């Protein structure tokens, strides 16, 4: 796979973008417990320094959280599925974020009361978004908790204030705007193209349903890699087993971009 990616992008600048949870880091019982393994981190740092490569992370986490977890290897970091982005000398903060902060705070308070009955439920407050995680809950109770969370948010979804994103044993509420990981990738591509003066191909890696927005939005000269066993759109070019395989791909790409044979 690394050789094929290198051959397809050797005459273009490579913008390597990846999700965080389930792609760079193994999925964990709580968001706080998901960390990048040492070997994956080393490979990530090497590919980020390779010639003709810009590395970035596009995550559903808040931007400061994912930036802290990834470190300086990522030149671009996008949080909240691309609603907030930082890069060299540039930043993006979607206009829809600030108006929903009070709505999210109110919904968090109500959900905390209403879902207190469910052991293992975790409400992740992202200021401008709210995620209900049930990975640690008994399966039948977790499913019921997600149903109640969805019902609680339904009036706001119907009023087009918030939108609902289902995930792996989770459900997230975000501002109801036409902005997602795919549009964030194109926003970053435009900045990299201006900075390098070169045509830019994206290699995007992701494991979850929210990554399918990127798979669907990107172009024929981009490369799409699904990670893990969950279903992905038919548009992906390859599939990797998990973060360890992502690390090995990064290590081989770093060598190829440096003019060395992949091992």
Protein backbone atom coordinates (compact mmCIF):
# COMPACT_ATOMS: atom_id res chain seq x y z
CA UNK A 1 0.00 0.00 0.00
CA UNK A 2 2.76 2.48 0.91
CA UNK A 3 4.46 1.96 -2.46
CA UNK A 4 1.22 2.47 -4.35
CA UNK A 5 0.47 5.66 -2.42
CA UNK A 6 3.98 6.94 -3.04
CA UNK A 7 3.74 6.23 -6.77
CA UNK A 8 0.37 7.98 -7.06
CA UNK A 9 1.57 11.08 -5.19
CA UNK A 10 5.29 11.32 -6.06
CA UNK A 11 4.76 14.36 -8.34
CA UNK A 12 2.40 16.13 -5.93
CA UNK A 13 2.57 17.46 -2.41
CA UNK A 14 1.16 14.87 -0.01
CA UNK A 15 -1.35 16.12 2.55
CA UNK A 16 -1.67 13.26 5.02
CA UNK A 17 -4.80 13.70 7.16
CA UNK A 18 -6.09 11.28 9.76
CA UNK A 19 -8.77 10.86 12.36
CA UNK A 20 -7.62 10.35 15.97
CA UNK A 21 -9.78 7.85 17.91
CA UNK A 22 -9.69 4.41 16.34
CA UNK A 23 -7.17 5.52 13.72
CA UNK A 24 -4.12 6.99 15.49
CA UNK A 25 -5.16 5.72 18.92
CA UNK A 26 -7.01 2.56 19.86
CA UNK A 27 -10.59 3.10 20.98
CA UNK A 28 -10.76 3.23 24.78
CA UNK A 29 -13.47 3.01 27.44
CA UNK A 30 -13.31 6.79 27.96
CA UNK A 31 -12.04 9.63 25.74
CA UNK A 32 -9.31 10.42 28.30
CA UNK A 33 -7.85 6.91 28.03
CA UNK A 34 -7.26 6.97 24.26
CA UNK A 35 -3.54 7.59 23.66
CA UNK A 36 -1.18 7.13 20.71
CA UNK A 37 1.13 4.14 21.19
CA UNK A 38 4.85 4.90 21.22
CA UNK A 39 5.62 3.11 17.94
CA UNK A 40 2.74 4.82 16.15
CA UNK A 41 3.85 8.19 17.52
CA UNK A 42 7.41 7.62 16.31
CA UNK A 43 6.19 6.72 12.81
CA UNK A 44 3.82 9.70 12.80
CA UNK A 45 6.65 12.07 13.68
CA UNK A 46 8.89 10.60 10.96
CA UNK A 47 6.32 10.88 8.19
CA UNK A 48 5.44 14.43 9.29
CA UNK A 49 9.09 15.39 8.72
CA UNK A 50 9.38 13.62 5.36
CA UNK A 51 10.01 15.69 2.18
CA UNK A 52 6.90 16.91 0.43
CA UNK A 53 4.52 15.90 3.24
CA UNK A 54 2.16 17.96 5.39
CA UNK A 55 0.60 16.05 8.26
CA UNK A 56 -2.65 16.89 10.03
CA UNK A 57 -5.36 15.44 12.25
CA UNK A 58 -9.11 15.91 11.76
CA UNK A 59 -11.02 14.82 14.86
CA UNK A 60 -14.35 15.07 16.61
CA UNK A 61 -12.51 16.07 19.78
CA UNK A 62 -12.03 19.69 20.77
CA UNK A 63 -9.05 21.21 19.04
CA UNK A 64 -6.91 21.83 22.17
CA UNK A 65 -7.46 18.24 23.31
CA UNK A 66 -6.39 16.58 20.06
CA UNK A 67 -3.49 19.03 19.57
CA UNK A 68 -2.15 18.13 23.01
CA UNK A 69 -2.44 14.41 22.30
CA UNK A 70 -0.78 14.56 18.89
CA UNK A 71 1.89 17.14 19.66
CA UNK A 72 3.91 19.25 17.21
CA UNK A 73 3.98 16.59 14.46
CA UNK A 74 0.61 17.86 13.19
CA UNK A 75 0.94 21.08 11.22
CA UNK A 76 -2.83 21.29 10.95
CA UNK A 77 -5.27 20.24 13.65
CA UNK A 78 -9.04 20.29 13.16
CA UNK A 79 -11.43 19.76 16.05
CA UNK A 80 -15.19 19.26 16.29
CA UNK A 81 -15.22 17.55 12.88
CA UNK A 82 -13.56 20.56 11.28
CA UNK A 83 -15.57 23.35 12.87
CA UNK A 84 -12.33 24.65 14.39
CA UNK A 85 -8.92 24.44 12.67
CA UNK A 86 -5.43 25.77 13.32
CA UNK A 87 -2.40 25.68 11.05
CA UNK A 88 0.76 27.65 10.28
CA UNK A 89 -0.28 31.29 10.52
CA UNK A 90 -3.97 30.53 10.08
CA UNK A 91 -7.06 29.58 12.07
CA UNK A 92 -10.73 28.86 11.44
CA UNK A 93 -13.58 29.08 13.96
CA UNK A 94 -17.00 28.43 12.42
CA UNK A 95 -19.49 31.22 13.00
CA UNK A 96 -22.11 28.70 14.23
CA UNK A 97 -20.11 27.61 17.28
CA UNK A 98 -20.57 30.49 19.70
CA UNK A 99 -24.39 30.74 19.44
CA UNK A 100 -24.88 27.10 20.49
CA UNK A 101 -22.71 27.18 23.62
CA UNK A 102 -25.62 28.09 25.90
CA UNK A 103 -27.84 25.48 24.23
CA UNK A 104 -25.22 22.78 24.83
CA UNK A 105 -24.78 23.82 28.47
CA UNK A 106 -28.53 23.58 29.07
CA UNK A 107 -28.76 20.23 27.30
CA UNK A 108 -25.82 18.87 29.33
CA UNK A 109 -27.56 19.74 32.59
CA UNK A 110 -30.79 18.06 31.49
CA UNK A 111 -29.06 14.98 30.12
CA UNK A 112 -27.00 14.61 33.30
CA UNK A 113 -30.21 14.45 35.34
CA UNK A 114 -32.17 12.28 32.93
CA UNK A 115 -29.42 9.69 32.31
CA UNK A 116 -28.20 9.43 35.91
CA UNK A 117 -29.92 6.05 36.15
CA UNK A 118 -27.53 4.44 33.61
CA UNK A 119 -24.25 3.03 34.96
CA UNK A 120 -21.28 3.66 32.68
CA UNK A 121 -22.82 6.47 30.63
CA UNK A 122 -20.41 9.35 30.01
CA UNK A 123 -21.45 12.80 28.80
CA UNK A 124 -18.53 14.55 27.11
CA UNK A 125 -18.91 18.33 27.26
CA UNK A 126 -17.17 19.95 24.28
CA UNK A 127 -18.60 23.45 24.93
CA UNK A 128 -20.02 23.66 21.39
CA UNK A 129 -20.99 19.99 21.14
CA UNK A 130 -22.13 17.19 23.43
CA UNK A 131 -21.42 13.48 23.11
CA UNK A 132 -23.12 10.66 24.98
CA UNK A 133 -20.74 7.67 25.32
CA UNK A 134 -22.06 4.27 26.41
CA UNK A 135 -18.99 2.08 25.85
CA UNK A 136 -18.79 1.30 29.59
CA UNK A 137 -22.54 0.74 30.04
CA UNK A 138 -24.24 -2.68 29.85
CA UNK A 139 -25.29 -3.07 26.18
CA UNK A 140 -29.06 -3.07 26.77
CA UNK A 141 -28.88 -0.10 29.14
CA UNK A 142 -26.49 1.75 26.83
CA UNK A 143 -28.85 1.40 23.90
CA UNK A 144 -31.71 2.72 26.02
CA UNK A 145 -29.57 5.65 27.22
CA UNK A 146 -28.78 6.62 23.62
CA UNK A 147 -32.49 6.50 22.77
CA UNK A 148 -33.27 8.83 25.68
CA UNK A 149 -30.41 11.15 24.71
CA UNK A 150 -31.74 11.33 21.15
CA UNK A 151 -35.28 12.01 22.38
CA UNK A 152 -34.01 14.77 24.64
CA UNK A 153 -32.30 16.46 21.70
CA UNK A 154 -35.10 15.86 19.19
CA UNK A 155 -36.78 19.30 19.50
CA UNK A 156 -33.44 21.03 18.88
CA UNK A 157 -32.70 18.77 15.92
CA UNK A 158 -36.15 19.37 14.43
CA UNK A 159 -35.66 23.12 14.89
CA UNK A 160 -32.39 22.84 12.93
CA UNK A 161 -30.35 24.15 15.87
CA UNK A 162 -28.35 20.96 16.33
CA UNK A 163 -27.59 17.90 14.22
CA UNK A 164 -27.11 14.35 15.42
CA UNK A 165 -24.04 12.27 14.53
CA UNK A 166 -24.15 8.59 15.54
CA UNK A 167 -20.80 6.99 16.33
CA UNK A 168 -19.32 3.82 17.79
CA UNK A 169 -21.36 3.34 21.00
CA UNK A 170 -21.86 7.09 21.10
CA UNK A 171 -24.10 9.86 19.83
CA UNK A 172 -23.00 13.44 19.30
CA UNK A 173 -24.83 16.74 18.95
CA UNK A 174 -23.23 19.56 16.93
CA UNK A 175 -24.36 22.84 15.38
CA UNK A 176 -26.68 22.14 12.45
CA UNK A 177 -24.51 23.57 9.68
CA UNK A 178 -23.27 22.23 6.36
CA UNK A 179 -19.71 21.72 7.54
CA UNK A 180 -17.96 18.42 8.18
CA UNK A 181 -14.63 16.61 7.92
CA UNK A 182 -14.70 16.62 4.13
CA UNK A 183 -15.07 20.39 3.92
CA UNK A 184 -12.38 20.80 6.56
CA UNK A 185 -10.00 18.70 4.45
CA UNK A 186 -10.61 20.95 1.43
CA UNK A 187 -10.08 24.06 3.58
CA UNK A 188 -6.71 22.69 4.69
CA UNK A 189 -5.81 21.65 1.12
CA UNK A 190 -6.33 25.22 -0.06
CA UNK A 191 -3.91 26.59 2.55
CA UNK A 192 -1.28 23.94 1.78
CA UNK A 193 -1.56 24.58 -1.96
CA UNK A 194 -0.95 28.30 -1.44
CA UNK A 195 1.94 27.63 0.95
CA UNK A 196 3.72 25.12 -1.31
CA UNK A 197 2.76 26.37 -4.77
CA UNK A 198 2.22 22.72 -5.74
CA UNK A 199 -0.74 20.52 -6.60
CA UNK A 200 -1.86 18.69 -3.46
CA UNK A 201 -3.20 15.16 -3.07
CA UNK A 202 -4.85 14.12 0.17
CA UNK A 203 -4.42 10.74 1.81
CA UNK A 204 -7.19 10.49 4.41
CA UNK A 205 -7.45 7.77 7.06
CA UNK A 206 -10.52 7.26 9.25
CA UNK A 207 -12.45 4.59 11.10
CA UNK A 208 -15.92 5.94 11.86
CA UNK A 209 -19.12 7.06 10.18
CA UNK A 210 -18.14 10.72 10.53
CA UNK A 211 -15.05 9.99 8.40
CA UNK A 212 -17.33 8.99 5.55
CA UNK A 213 -18.00 12.71 5.05
CA UNK A 214 -14.35 12.99 4.07
CA UNK A 215 -14.40 9.81 1.98
CA UNK A 216 -17.39 11.14 0.03
CA UNK A 217 -16.15 14.71 -0.40
CA UNK A 218 -12.61 14.08 -1.59
CA UNK A 219 -11.57 13.73 -5.21
CA UNK A 220 -10.46 11.01 -7.60
CA UNK A 221 -6.78 11.92 -7.22
CA UNK A 222 -7.02 11.59 -3.43
CA UNK A 223 -6.50 8.31 -1.56
CA UNK A 224 -8.97 7.06 1.04
CA UNK A 225 -8.07 4.51 3.70
CA UNK A 226 -10.62 2.93 6.02
CA UNK A 227 -9.33 1.73 9.38
CA UNK A 228 -10.87 -1.09 11.40
CA UNK A 229 -13.72 -3.46 10.71
CA UNK A 230 -16.70 -1.12 10.71
CA UNK A 231 -18.44 -0.62 7.36
CA UNK A 232 -17.05 2.13 5.17
CA UNK A 233 -18.25 3.69 1.95
CA UNK A 234 -17.36 1.82 -1.25
CA UNK A 235 -15.16 4.78 -2.20
CA UNK A 236 -12.21 3.73 -0.02
CA UNK A 237 -9.07 2.53 -1.79
CA UNK A 238 -7.70 0.37 1.03
CA UNK A 239 -8.49 -0.82 4.54
CA UNK A 240 -6.10 -1.16 7.49
CA UNK A 241 -6.72 -3.27 10.59
CA UNK A 242 -6.11 -0.56 13.20
CA UNK A 243 -3.70 2.02 14.61
CA UNK A 244 -0.72 -0.36 14.61
CA UNK A 245 -1.18 -0.85 10.85
CA UNK A 246 -1.49 2.93 10.44
CA UNK A 247 1.86 3.32 12.17
CA UNK A 248 3.50 0.82 9.85
CA UNK A 249 2.08 2.63 6.82
CA UNK A 250 3.46 5.94 8.10
CA UNK A 251 6.91 4.43 8.65
CA UNK A 252 7.05 3.06 5.11
CA UNK A 253 5.76 6.29 3.57
CA UNK A 254 8.43 8.25 5.46
CA UNK A 255 11.17 6.04 3.99
CA UNK A 256 9.79 6.22 0.46
CA UNK A 257 9.43 10.01 0.60
CA UNK A 258 13.05 10.20 1.76
CA UNK A 259 14.19 8.13 -1.24
CA UNK A 260 14.74 4.95 0.77
CA UNK A 261 13.19 1.53 0.15
CA UNK A 262 10.17 0.62 2.21
CA UNK A 263 10.82 -2.22 4.64
